[in-house]
């Protein structure tokens, strides 16, 4: 049984506390799909922006 990962609309992720440590204007440019898992979004932002440590 494969577990499906929960995806969230990109705009909701950008407004979430989980991504609050990232510069929102840059994050909006990098996250171009309509939805991501939290892990996917953080991985993309960390790769390009360095992320929060």
C-alpha atoms as a PDB file:
ATOM      1  CA  UNK A   1       0.000   0.000   0.000  1.00  0.00           C
ATOM      2  CA  UNK A   2       1.590   3.250  -1.142  1.00  0.00           C
ATOM      3  CA  UNK A   3       0.984   6.271   1.058  1.00  0.00           C
ATOM      4  CA  UNK A   4       0.053   9.385  -0.872  1.00  0.00           C
ATOM      5  CA  UNK A   5       1.663  12.559   0.344  1.00  0.00           C
ATOM      6  CA  UNK A   6      -0.554  15.516   1.208  1.00  0.00           C
ATOM      7  CA  UNK A   7      -0.176  18.420  -1.175  1.00  0.00           C
ATOM      8  CA  UNK A   8      -1.131  21.999  -0.442  1.00  0.00           C
ATOM      9  CA  UNK A   9      -1.975  24.851  -2.797  1.00  0.00           C
ATOM     10  CA  UNK A  10       1.126  26.940  -3.414  1.00  0.00           C
ATOM     11  CA  UNK A  11      -0.513  30.151  -2.173  1.00  0.00           C
ATOM     12  CA  UNK A  12      -1.477  28.452   1.099  1.00  0.00           C
ATOM     13  CA  UNK A  13       2.093  27.243   1.566  1.00  0.00           C
ATOM     14  CA  UNK A  14       3.464  30.721   0.921  1.00  0.00           C
ATOM     15  CA  UNK A  15       1.204  32.107   3.675  1.00  0.00           C
ATOM     16  CA  UNK A  16       1.986  29.271   6.110  1.00  0.00           C
ATOM     17  CA  UNK A  17       4.179  29.491   9.194  1.00  0.00           C
ATOM     18  CA  UNK A  18       6.155  26.535   7.818  1.00  0.00           C
ATOM     19  CA  UNK A  19       7.613  28.721   5.047  1.00  0.00           C
ATOM     20  CA  UNK A  20       7.678  32.004   6.980  1.00  0.00           C
ATOM     21  CA  UNK A  21      11.494  31.935   7.159  1.00  0.00           C
ATOM     22  CA  UNK A  22      11.846  32.263   3.394  1.00  0.00           C
ATOM     23  CA  UNK A  23      11.741  35.530   1.427  1.00  0.00           C
ATOM     24  CA  UNK A  24       8.215  35.403   0.014  1.00  0.00           C
ATOM     25  CA  UNK A  25       8.824  37.224  -3.277  1.00  0.00           C
ATOM     26  CA  UNK A  26      11.595  34.800  -4.243  1.00  0.00           C
ATOM     27  CA  UNK A  27       9.615  31.807  -2.983  1.00  0.00           C
ATOM     28  CA  UNK A  28       6.662  32.780  -5.167  1.00  0.00           C
ATOM     29  CA  UNK A  29       8.929  32.857  -8.245  1.00  0.00           C
ATOM     30  CA  UNK A  30      10.475  29.460  -7.445  1.00  0.00           C
ATOM     31  CA  UNK A  31       7.252  27.624  -6.608  1.00  0.00           C
ATOM     32  CA  UNK A  32       5.524  27.617  -9.995  1.00  0.00           C
ATOM     33  CA  UNK A  33       3.273  24.540  -9.728  1.00  0.00           C
ATOM     34  CA  UNK A  34      -0.257  24.848  -8.344  1.00  0.00           C
ATOM     35  CA  UNK A  35       0.482  22.516  -5.393  1.00  0.00           C
ATOM     36  CA  UNK A  36       3.382  20.927  -3.490  1.00  0.00           C
ATOM     37  CA  UNK A  37       3.993  18.767  -0.470  1.00  0.00           C
ATOM     38  CA  UNK A  38       5.625  20.695   2.356  1.00  0.00           C
ATOM     39  CA  UNK A  39       8.798  18.642   1.880  1.00  0.00           C
ATOM     40  CA  UNK A  40       8.946  19.430  -1.872  1.00  0.00           C
ATOM     41  CA  UNK A  41       8.438  23.148  -1.322  1.00  0.00           C
ATOM     42  CA  UNK A  42      11.119  23.332   1.370  1.00  0.00           C
ATOM     43  CA  UNK A  43      13.563  21.333  -0.766  1.00  0.00           C
ATOM     44  CA  UNK A  44      13.146  23.715  -3.708  1.00  0.00           C
ATOM     45  CA  UNK A  45      13.517  26.798  -1.541  1.00  0.00           C
ATOM     46  CA  UNK A  46      16.509  25.388   0.353  1.00  0.00           C
ATOM     47  CA  UNK A  47      18.244  24.523  -2.914  1.00  0.00           C
ATOM     48  CA  UNK A  48      17.853  28.042  -4.312  1.00  0.00           C
ATOM     49  CA  UNK A  49      17.699  30.300  -1.233  1.00  0.00           C
ATOM     50  CA  UNK A  50      19.736  28.448   1.358  1.00  0.00           C
ATOM     51  CA  UNK A  51      16.702  27.998   3.595  1.00  0.00           C
ATOM     52  CA  UNK A  52      16.342  28.514   7.301  1.00  0.00           C
ATOM     53  CA  UNK A  53      18.821  26.706   9.486  1.00  0.00           C
END
